[in-house]
Amino acid sequence: MQEIFDLIRTDLAEVERVFSADTVCSVDAVTAMGQYLQLGGGKRLRPTMVLLSAGLCGYRGESAVKMGAVVEIVHTATLVHDDIIDNAEVRRGRASANSRWGNHISVLAGDWMYMQSFQLALRERNFRILDLLINLTQLMVEGELLQLEQIGRIDVAEQQYSELVYRKTACLFSVCAQLGAVVAGQSPEREKDLAEFGRNLGMAFQLVDDLLDFTADEATLGKPVGNDLREGKVTLPAIHTMAHCTPKERGLIATVVTERGFHTVSQREIVEIIERYRAPEAVKARAREYIDRALDHLKPFADSPYKRALEAIPEFVLNRDK
């Protein structure tokens, strides 16, 4: 990943500058929150995809940098709102925005960031960009609503789970990759290829994320593990396990979901059941399928350092530990 970032180091630094400049608000609390979240780290994977996709299509310039900042601001806004909905207290090893500033200020600050990202995008005077961002925002809101409908249910089917993952995570990855083609003035066919690359990469990313919630080291992950079941969310590791385990074991998983915590049943017991039915291997295999599909959509593009960088990202996504 360091080699990948080296390829676009200058542009990424510009993305950070634009992010910082465009999250200054007349309300001091919003500005402080934007600075706090920006300094909180993160992989900057989404702006990296915009910049690499644009480079793949033969474009490096101000428009790609602006779109990198736009998607990072959108992503930051979604994290703020997610933490409010989930009552999360920690994000990337630090206090979440809502636990530091409270829900009222945080939800409005998240709204402001969404609008600010649109204002930045509007400066491009490109209706195609606005069309993608409006559709993206609608999909992500639908994702939050679908998740609220599914919380506390243990009968979530894999198809329902996949639809949720697309709306909550993969649609943003898809737009990040597609925006690179848009600012480069590529054909609809190449736009679609990059959109599908991003979509499949995003699906794999979320599957690995959901697996790490069961298997990761908490200090490395930067947030509590076991959070999904504790919040009543049934993800693919649990869906796979419940399709193969005994009624008694299914009942133990259901108890955690119902109690919203590891009170009657320990986290260790659940992890043992997950591992007994080889859910980690099954989830990794499904993530690998998505990655293979993602790589297929890069084949029409000519070889270049940008293509090789994009081809390397899926392996990073599959093997990450946080």
Protein backbone atom coordinates (compact mmCIF):
# COMPACT_ATOMS: atom_id res chain seq x y z
CA MET A 1 0.00 0.00 0.00
CA GLN A 2 2.91 2.35 0.63
CA GLU A 3 3.97 1.99 -3.02
CA ILE A 4 0.40 2.73 -4.10
CA PHE A 5 0.25 5.89 -1.99
CA ASP A 6 3.67 6.99 -3.26
CA LEU A 7 2.23 7.03 -6.79
CA ILE A 8 -0.32 9.70 -5.81
CA ARG A 9 1.35 11.22 -2.74
CA THR A 10 1.24 14.80 -4.05
CA ASP A 11 -2.41 14.54 -5.08
CA LEU A 12 -3.40 12.97 -1.76
CA ALA A 13 -1.73 15.85 0.07
CA GLU A 14 -3.85 18.22 -2.03
CA VAL A 15 -6.96 16.21 -1.12
CA GLU A 16 -6.11 16.73 2.56
CA ARG A 17 -5.65 20.47 1.96
CA VAL A 18 -9.00 20.80 0.17
CA PHE A 19 -10.73 18.70 2.86
CA SER A 20 -9.34 20.96 5.57
CA ALA A 21 -10.25 24.17 3.74
CA ASP A 22 -13.76 23.04 2.82
CA THR A 23 -14.78 21.79 6.25
CA VAL A 24 -14.36 25.23 7.84
CA CYS A 25 -17.76 26.40 9.07
CA SER A 26 -19.03 29.61 10.64
CA VAL A 27 -20.00 27.44 13.63
CA ASP A 28 -16.81 26.66 15.54
CA ALA A 29 -18.00 23.26 16.76
CA VAL A 30 -18.45 21.98 13.20
CA THR A 31 -14.99 23.18 12.18
CA ALA A 32 -13.46 21.59 15.28
CA MET A 33 -15.24 18.31 14.55
CA GLY A 34 -14.05 18.30 10.95
CA GLN A 35 -10.45 18.86 12.06
CA TYR A 36 -10.76 16.20 14.77
CA LEU A 37 -12.11 13.62 12.33
CA GLN A 38 -9.53 14.47 9.67
CA LEU A 39 -6.69 13.99 12.15
CA GLY A 40 -8.23 10.71 13.30
CA GLY A 41 -6.49 8.89 10.49
CA GLY A 42 -8.15 6.39 8.21
CA LYS A 43 -6.78 4.68 5.15
CA ARG A 44 -7.97 7.34 2.65
CA LEU A 45 -8.91 4.42 0.45
CA ARG A 46 -11.83 6.21 -1.19
CA PRO A 47 -9.95 9.29 -2.46
CA THR A 48 -7.11 6.95 -3.45
CA MET A 49 -9.55 5.10 -5.71
CA VAL A 50 -10.70 8.36 -7.32
CA LEU A 51 -7.12 9.45 -8.02
CA LEU A 52 -5.95 6.06 -9.29
CA SER A 53 -9.01 5.62 -11.51
CA ALA A 54 -8.48 9.06 -13.01
CA GLY A 55 -4.82 8.24 -13.58
CA LEU A 56 -5.80 4.95 -15.17
CA CYS A 57 -7.91 6.95 -17.64
CA GLY A 58 -5.07 9.34 -18.40
CA TYR A 59 -6.06 12.27 -16.21
CA ARG A 60 -4.26 13.92 -13.29
CA GLY A 61 -5.45 17.32 -12.22
CA GLU A 62 -7.54 19.56 -10.00
CA SER A 63 -10.87 17.89 -10.75
CA ALA A 64 -9.65 14.50 -9.51
CA VAL A 65 -8.31 16.14 -6.34
CA LYS A 66 -11.64 17.88 -5.72
CA MET A 67 -13.56 14.64 -6.22
CA GLY A 68 -11.17 12.90 -3.82
CA ALA A 69 -12.00 15.50 -1.19
CA VAL A 70 -15.73 15.23 -1.96
CA VAL A 71 -15.86 11.47 -1.37
CA GLU A 72 -13.77 11.75 1.80
CA ILE A 73 -16.12 14.42 3.20
CA VAL A 74 -19.13 12.23 2.29
CA HIS A 75 -17.46 9.25 3.95
CA THR A 76 -16.72 11.29 7.07
CA ALA A 77 -20.34 12.45 7.27
CA THR A 78 -21.55 8.84 7.04
CA LEU A 79 -19.24 7.83 9.90
CA VAL A 80 -20.61 10.62 12.09
CA HIS A 81 -24.19 9.55 11.42
CA ASP A 82 -23.37 5.83 11.80
CA ASP A 83 -21.85 6.42 15.23
CA ILE A 84 -24.92 8.38 16.36
CA ILE A 85 -27.28 5.63 15.21
CA ASP A 86 -25.11 2.91 16.80
CA ASN A 87 -24.44 4.89 20.00
CA ALA A 88 -20.75 4.23 19.36
CA GLU A 89 -18.27 5.68 21.81
CA VAL A 90 -15.03 4.88 19.98
CA ARG A 91 -13.91 5.43 16.40
CA ARG A 92 -10.35 4.55 15.23
CA GLY A 93 -9.16 4.24 18.79
CA ARG A 94 -10.44 7.67 19.86
CA ALA A 95 -13.67 9.06 21.25
CA SER A 96 -16.34 9.22 18.53
CA ALA A 97 -17.68 12.64 17.51
CA ASN A 98 -21.05 12.01 19.16
CA SER A 99 -19.50 11.01 22.49
CA ARG A 100 -17.37 14.16 22.43
CA TRP A 101 -19.82 16.76 21.06
CA GLY A 102 -23.15 15.05 21.70
CA ASN A 103 -25.77 13.74 19.29
CA HIS A 104 -27.49 17.03 18.52
CA ILE A 105 -24.39 18.85 17.27
CA SER A 106 -23.03 15.72 15.58
CA VAL A 107 -26.11 14.98 13.48
CA LEU A 108 -26.26 18.58 12.26
CA ALA A 109 -22.53 18.62 11.60
CA GLY A 110 -22.91 15.43 9.53
CA ASP A 111 -25.71 17.09 7.56
CA TRP A 112 -23.53 20.16 7.02
CA MET A 113 -20.67 17.98 5.71
CA TYR A 114 -23.00 16.32 3.20
CA MET A 115 -24.11 19.71 1.91
CA GLN A 116 -20.56 21.01 1.85
CA SER A 117 -19.45 18.05 -0.26
CA PHE A 118 -22.20 18.88 -2.76
CA GLN A 119 -21.17 22.53 -2.81
CA LEU A 120 -17.59 21.51 -3.60
CA ALA A 121 -18.79 19.16 -6.35
CA LEU A 122 -21.05 21.86 -7.79
CA ARG A 123 -18.01 24.00 -8.60
CA GLU A 124 -17.17 21.51 -11.35
CA ARG A 125 -20.39 22.46 -13.17
CA ASN A 126 -20.77 18.85 -14.25
CA PHE A 127 -24.29 17.41 -14.01
CA ARG A 128 -22.94 13.86 -14.37
CA ILE A 129 -21.02 14.27 -11.11
CA LEU A 130 -24.06 15.68 -9.30
CA ASP A 131 -26.25 12.89 -10.65
CA LEU A 132 -23.87 10.26 -9.25
CA LEU A 133 -23.62 11.98 -5.86
CA ILE A 134 -27.37 12.46 -5.46
CA ASN A 135 -28.06 8.83 -6.30
CA LEU A 136 -25.24 7.79 -3.95
CA THR A 137 -26.68 9.76 -1.05
CA GLN A 138 -30.13 8.27 -1.58
CA LEU A 139 -28.69 4.75 -1.65
CA MET A 140 -26.76 5.28 1.57
CA VAL A 141 -29.81 6.65 3.38
CA GLU A 142 -31.77 3.62 2.15
CA GLY A 143 -28.98 1.48 3.58
CA GLU A 144 -29.36 3.04 7.02
CA LEU A 145 -33.13 2.53 6.90
CA LEU A 146 -32.77 -1.10 5.78
CA GLN A 147 -30.31 -1.72 8.60
CA LEU A 148 -32.72 -0.30 11.15
CA GLU A 149 -35.41 -2.64 9.81
CA GLN A 150 -33.08 -5.63 10.17
CA ILE A 151 -31.72 -4.89 13.64
CA GLY A 152 -32.72 -7.54 16.14
CA ARG A 153 -33.71 -10.08 13.47
CA ILE A 154 -31.89 -13.41 13.16
CA ASP A 155 -33.77 -14.46 10.02
CA VAL A 156 -31.85 -12.12 7.72
CA ALA A 157 -31.14 -13.91 4.42
CA GLU A 158 -27.84 -13.54 2.61
CA GLN A 159 -29.56 -11.71 -0.26
CA GLN A 160 -30.97 -9.12 2.16
CA TYR A 161 -27.54 -8.79 3.74
CA SER A 162 -25.92 -8.24 0.31
CA GLU A 163 -28.42 -5.52 -0.60
CA LEU A 164 -27.64 -3.78 2.68
CA VAL A 165 -23.88 -4.03 2.11
CA TYR A 166 -24.24 -2.51 -1.34
CA ARG A 167 -26.16 0.49 -0.04
CA LYS A 168 -24.08 1.08 3.08
CA THR A 169 -20.61 0.53 1.66
CA ALA A 170 -20.19 -0.72 -1.89
CA CYS A 171 -22.14 2.06 -3.63
CA LEU A 172 -19.63 4.63 -2.33
CA PHE A 173 -16.68 2.52 -3.55
CA SER A 174 -18.44 2.25 -6.90
CA VAL A 175 -18.90 6.00 -7.25
CA CYS A 176 -15.29 6.67 -6.18
CA ALA A 177 -13.95 4.55 -9.03
CA GLN A 178 -16.51 5.86 -11.51
CA LEU A 179 -15.73 9.50 -10.73
CA GLY A 180 -12.19 8.94 -11.94
CA ALA A 181 -13.56 7.99 -15.35
CA VAL A 182 -16.01 10.91 -15.34
CA VAL A 183 -13.40 13.62 -14.69
CA ALA A 184 -11.20 11.98 -17.35
CA GLY A 185 -14.02 12.16 -19.91
CA GLN A 186 -14.10 8.42 -20.52
CA SER A 187 -16.80 6.51 -22.43
CA PRO A 188 -19.91 5.09 -20.70
CA GLU A 189 -18.42 1.60 -21.13
CA ARG A 190 -15.23 2.49 -19.24
CA GLU A 191 -17.29 4.33 -16.62
CA LYS A 192 -19.31 1.16 -16.10
CA ASP A 193 -16.18 -0.99 -15.84
CA LEU A 194 -14.75 1.20 -13.10
CA ALA A 195 -18.11 1.44 -11.33
CA GLU A 196 -18.32 -2.37 -11.26
CA PHE A 197 -14.71 -2.62 -10.10
CA GLY A 198 -15.53 -0.32 -7.19
CA ARG A 199 -18.82 -2.05 -6.40
CA ASN A 200 -17.24 -5.50 -6.12
CA LEU A 201 -14.27 -4.17 -4.19
CA GLY A 202 -16.65 -2.46 -1.77
CA MET A 203 -18.62 -5.67 -1.25
CA ALA A 204 -15.40 -7.51 -0.41
CA PHE A 205 -14.30 -4.69 1.90
CA GLN A 206 -17.48 -4.89 3.97
CA LEU A 207 -17.41 -8.69 4.17
CA VAL A 208 -13.89 -8.54 5.57
CA ASP A 209 -14.98 -5.74 7.92
CA ASP A 210 -17.84 -7.86 9.25
CA LEU A 211 -15.49 -10.81 9.73
CA LEU A 212 -12.97 -8.67 11.61
CA ASP A 213 -15.73 -7.74 14.05
CA PHE A 214 -15.53 -11.36 15.24
CA THR A 215 -11.85 -12.15 14.77
CA ALA A 216 -9.76 -8.97 15.05
CA ASP A 217 -7.60 -7.77 17.90
CA GLU A 218 -9.42 -4.86 19.54
CA ALA A 219 -6.32 -2.70 19.90
CA THR A 220 -5.50 -3.14 16.21
CA LEU A 221 -9.09 -2.63 15.04
CA GLY A 222 -9.42 0.64 16.95
CA LYS A 223 -12.94 -0.10 18.20
CA PRO A 224 -14.64 -2.81 20.31
CA VAL A 225 -14.96 -6.22 18.66
CA GLY A 226 -18.25 -8.10 18.76
CA ASN A 227 -20.11 -4.85 18.22
CA ASP A 228 -22.37 -6.09 15.43
CA LEU A 229 -24.17 -8.79 17.42
CA ARG A 230 -24.14 -6.52 20.46
CA GLU A 231 -26.04 -3.95 18.40
CA GLY A 232 -28.45 -6.57 17.03
CA LYS A 233 -26.85 -6.73 13.57
CA VAL A 234 -26.65 -10.14 11.92
CA THR A 235 -23.86 -10.17 9.32
CA LEU A 236 -22.53 -12.85 6.97
CA PRO A 237 -20.37 -14.73 9.52
CA ALA A 238 -23.46 -15.22 11.71
CA ILE A 239 -25.76 -15.91 8.72
CA HIS A 240 -23.41 -18.67 7.49
CA THR A 241 -23.07 -20.13 10.98
CA MET A 242 -26.79 -20.22 11.69
CA ALA A 243 -27.39 -22.02 8.39
CA HIS A 244 -25.17 -24.89 9.57
CA CYS A 245 -25.19 -24.98 13.36
CA THR A 246 -27.44 -26.83 15.81
CA PRO A 247 -30.69 -25.30 17.13
CA LYS A 248 -29.03 -24.86 20.52
CA GLU A 249 -26.12 -22.94 19.02
CA ARG A 250 -28.48 -20.85 16.94
CA GLY A 251 -30.32 -20.07 20.17
CA LEU A 252 -27.09 -18.80 21.76
CA ILE A 253 -26.54 -16.39 18.88
CA ALA A 254 -30.17 -15.28 19.10
CA THR A 255 -29.75 -14.63 22.82
CA VAL A 256 -26.91 -12.17 22.21
CA VAL A 257 -28.96 -10.38 19.56
CA THR A 258 -32.00 -10.22 21.83
CA GLU A 259 -30.09 -9.13 24.94
CA ARG A 260 -28.02 -6.61 22.96
CA GLY A 261 -24.85 -7.83 24.61
CA PHE A 262 -22.77 -10.72 25.87
CA HIS A 263 -24.58 -11.13 29.17
CA THR A 264 -25.96 -14.68 29.27
CA VAL A 265 -23.65 -15.86 26.50
CA SER A 266 -19.98 -14.90 26.33
CA GLN A 267 -18.25 -13.46 23.31
CA ARG A 268 -15.78 -16.35 23.40
CA GLU A 269 -18.64 -18.87 23.06
CA ILE A 270 -19.95 -17.11 19.96
CA VAL A 271 -16.50 -16.91 18.36
CA GLU A 272 -16.01 -20.64 18.99
CA ILE A 273 -19.30 -21.42 17.25
CA ILE A 274 -18.40 -19.13 14.34
CA GLU A 275 -15.05 -20.89 13.95
CA ARG A 276 -16.52 -24.38 14.42
CA TYR A 277 -18.61 -23.98 11.29
CA ARG A 278 -15.73 -22.38 9.35
CA ALA A 279 -17.48 -19.07 8.87
CA PRO A 280 -14.18 -17.15 8.52
CA GLU A 281 -13.15 -19.37 5.61
CA ALA A 282 -16.59 -19.08 3.99
CA VAL A 283 -16.66 -15.29 4.28
CA LYS A 284 -13.11 -14.98 2.94
CA ALA A 285 -14.06 -17.22 0.00
CA ARG A 286 -17.07 -15.04 -0.80
CA ALA A 287 -14.92 -11.91 -0.53
CA ARG A 288 -12.44 -13.53 -2.93
CA GLU A 289 -15.27 -14.05 -5.45
CA TYR A 290 -16.05 -10.33 -5.34
CA ILE A 291 -12.38 -9.45 -5.74
CA ASP A 292 -12.03 -11.70 -8.78
CA ARG A 293 -15.05 -9.97 -10.33
CA ALA A 294 -13.54 -6.58 -9.54
CA LEU A 295 -10.27 -7.47 -11.25
CA ASP A 296 -12.11 -8.70 -14.33
CA HIS A 297 -13.43 -5.17 -14.87
CA LEU A 298 -9.89 -3.76 -15.08
CA LYS A 299 -8.95 -5.99 -18.02
CA PRO A 300 -10.14 -3.56 -20.76
CA PHE A 301 -7.65 -0.92 -19.57
CA ALA A 302 -4.08 -0.66 -20.85
CA ASP A 303 -1.24 -1.59 -18.53
CA SER A 304 0.12 1.29 -16.46
CA PRO A 305 1.36 2.01 -12.93
CA TYR A 306 -2.19 3.12 -12.08
CA LYS A 307 -3.69 -0.15 -13.30
CA ARG A 308 -1.15 -2.16 -11.32
CA ALA A 309 -1.92 -0.07 -8.24
CA LEU A 310 -5.66 -0.67 -8.61
CA GLU A 311 -5.00 -4.38 -9.09
CA ALA A 312 -3.06 -4.44 -5.81
CA ILE A 313 -5.76 -2.81 -3.68
CA PRO A 314 -8.06 -5.90 -3.59
CA GLU A 315 -5.32 -8.01 -1.97
CA PHE A 316 -4.83 -5.32 0.64
CA VAL A 317 -8.58 -5.29 1.29
CA LEU A 318 -8.75 -9.08 1.61
CA ASN A 319 -5.79 -9.41 3.97
CA ARG A 320 -6.16 -6.32 6.15
CA ASP A 321 -6.38 -6.66 9.93
CA LYS A 322 -8.23 -3.42 10.68
